[in-house]
Amino acid sequence: MTGTNLDDPVMGIWEEKCTMQRREMTTAFLQRLGDPGYRLQGENPATATLDQAHRWIATYDELIRFKHQLIDLSHQYAERAEPEVARAIRETDVVLLETQASRFELRRDFWKIRAAEMKGGRSRGPD
């Protein structure tokens, strides 16, 4: 026995399937990350009410706060880490979190504008 799962064909197939699923999830995530029109589940500007718009503003505010806390934590960790680790954190994790926060800020701002339109009685087409 070599200490790997290569000796067990069932485990080998299972690990391969898990690896493929992780790759698919990563690919889907990266596509969403680059898609400014991506919406959270249940988010539909065409049918939203003013109360729902306010709920989406609050939802995105919470997500933005969370991402900024993670960014701060990442910077704190990087300050104490070895140079190679600190660089990797700053060049990958922080960049990813900042991108996510920025996208959430855009969506929150969209809902602020949408809420103002609804409150003012102005109408706009579906997005």
Protein backbone atom coordinates (compact mmCIF):
# COMPACT_ATOMS: atom_id res chain seq x y z
CA MET A 1 0.00 0.00 0.00
CA THR A 2 1.47 3.34 -1.03
CA GLY A 3 -0.58 5.60 1.26
CA THR A 4 -2.60 7.03 -1.61
CA ASN A 5 -6.04 6.19 -2.90
CA LEU A 6 -4.63 5.13 -6.26
CA ASP A 7 -4.75 1.54 -5.03
CA ASP A 8 -8.53 1.78 -4.56
CA PRO A 9 -10.27 2.32 -7.92
CA VAL A 10 -13.53 3.44 -6.28
CA MET A 11 -11.75 6.09 -4.21
CA GLY A 12 -9.78 7.19 -7.25
CA ILE A 13 -12.99 7.73 -9.24
CA TRP A 14 -14.58 9.55 -6.29
CA GLU A 15 -11.59 11.88 -5.91
CA GLU A 16 -11.59 12.57 -9.65
CA LYS A 17 -15.30 13.43 -9.54
CA CYS A 18 -14.77 15.77 -6.57
CA THR A 19 -11.90 17.49 -8.37
CA MET A 20 -14.07 18.00 -11.46
CA GLN A 21 -16.89 19.44 -9.34
CA ARG A 22 -14.47 21.87 -7.66
CA ARG A 23 -13.21 22.99 -11.07
CA GLU A 24 -16.77 23.51 -12.32
CA MET A 25 -17.69 25.49 -9.21
CA THR A 26 -14.55 27.62 -9.56
CA THR A 27 -15.28 28.29 -13.23
CA ALA A 28 -18.89 29.26 -12.46
CA PHE A 29 -17.73 31.52 -9.63
CA LEU A 30 -15.21 33.31 -11.83
CA GLN A 31 -17.85 33.84 -14.50
CA ARG A 32 -20.24 35.34 -11.92
CA LEU A 33 -17.46 37.51 -10.53
CA GLY A 34 -16.92 39.10 -13.93
CA ASP A 35 -20.63 39.50 -14.69
CA PRO A 36 -21.90 42.91 -13.52
CA GLY A 37 -25.47 41.78 -14.19
CA TYR A 38 -25.26 38.79 -11.87
CA ARG A 39 -27.98 38.93 -9.24
CA LEU A 40 -28.50 37.19 -5.95
CA GLN A 41 -31.21 34.56 -5.75
CA GLY A 42 -34.62 36.23 -5.67
CA GLU A 43 -33.34 39.58 -6.90
CA ASN A 44 -35.62 40.83 -9.70
CA PRO A 45 -35.65 44.56 -10.47
CA ALA A 46 -38.56 44.22 -12.89
CA THR A 47 -41.01 43.07 -10.23
CA ALA A 48 -39.52 44.63 -7.09
CA THR A 49 -41.55 46.80 -4.75
CA LEU A 50 -40.14 49.73 -2.79
CA ASP A 51 -39.92 47.54 0.34
CA GLN A 52 -38.02 44.90 -1.62
CA ALA A 53 -35.65 47.54 -2.99
CA HIS A 54 -34.91 48.65 0.58
CA ARG A 55 -34.34 45.02 1.57
CA TRP A 56 -31.83 44.62 -1.28
CA ILE A 57 -30.04 47.80 -0.22
CA ALA A 58 -29.74 46.41 3.31
CA THR A 59 -28.66 43.00 2.00
CA TYR A 60 -25.89 44.49 -0.12
CA ASP A 61 -24.82 46.81 2.73
CA GLU A 62 -24.35 43.74 4.93
CA LEU A 63 -22.40 41.89 2.23
CA ILE A 64 -20.19 44.95 1.67
CA ARG A 65 -19.46 45.22 5.41
CA PHE A 66 -18.60 41.52 5.49
CA LYS A 67 -16.22 41.79 2.52
CA HIS A 68 -14.49 44.82 4.07
CA GLN A 69 -14.05 42.92 7.35
CA LEU A 70 -12.46 40.07 5.41
CA ILE A 71 -10.21 42.54 3.56
CA ASP A 72 -9.10 44.09 6.87
CA LEU A 73 -8.48 40.65 8.37
CA SER A 74 -6.48 39.61 5.29
CA HIS A 75 -4.29 42.72 5.56
CA GLN A 76 -3.75 42.08 9.29
CA TYR A 77 -2.77 38.49 8.61
CA ALA A 78 -0.47 39.52 5.75
CA GLU A 79 1.34 41.99 8.02
CA ARG A 80 2.32 39.13 10.35
CA ALA A 81 3.01 36.53 7.66
CA GLU A 82 6.19 35.53 5.91
CA PRO A 83 6.86 37.67 2.82
CA GLU A 84 5.81 34.97 0.35
CA VAL A 85 2.54 34.35 2.19
CA ALA A 86 1.86 38.07 2.58
CA ARG A 87 2.39 38.65 -1.12
CA ALA A 88 0.08 35.78 -2.07
CA ILE A 89 -2.63 37.11 0.26
CA ARG A 90 -2.37 40.61 -1.16
CA GLU A 91 -2.21 39.49 -4.80
CA THR A 92 -5.03 36.94 -4.64
CA ASP A 93 -7.31 37.07 -1.62
CA VAL A 94 -7.40 40.84 -1.21
CA VAL A 95 -7.87 41.44 -4.93
CA LEU A 96 -10.70 38.90 -5.06
CA LEU A 97 -12.42 40.35 -2.00
CA GLU A 98 -12.08 43.91 -3.32
CA THR A 99 -13.59 42.85 -6.63
CA GLN A 100 -16.51 41.23 -4.86
CA ALA A 101 -17.04 44.28 -2.63
CA SER A 102 -16.98 46.56 -5.67
CA ARG A 103 -19.59 44.45 -7.47
CA PHE A 104 -21.79 44.48 -4.36
CA GLU A 105 -21.42 48.26 -4.15
CA LEU A 106 -22.60 48.58 -7.75
CA ARG A 107 -25.64 46.40 -7.03
CA ARG A 108 -26.43 48.32 -3.85
CA ASP A 109 -26.17 51.61 -5.74
CA PHE A 110 -28.47 50.21 -8.43
CA TRP A 111 -31.08 49.44 -5.76
CA LYS A 112 -30.71 52.91 -4.22
CA ILE A 113 -31.45 54.45 -7.62
CA ARG A 114 -34.28 51.98 -8.21
CA ALA A 115 -35.82 52.80 -4.80
CA ALA A 116 -35.59 56.53 -5.52
CA GLU A 117 -37.32 55.98 -8.86
CA MET A 118 -40.09 53.97 -7.24
CA LYS A 119 -40.54 56.51 -4.45
CA GLY A 120 -40.66 59.35 -6.95
CA GLY A 121 -43.16 57.51 -9.15
CA ARG A 122 -40.83 57.35 -12.10
CA SER A 123 -40.77 54.12 -14.01
CA ARG A 124 -37.99 52.35 -15.81
CA GLY A 125 -37.84 49.26 -17.94
CA PRO A 126 -36.69 45.88 -16.67
CA ASP A 127 -32.96 45.24 -16.34
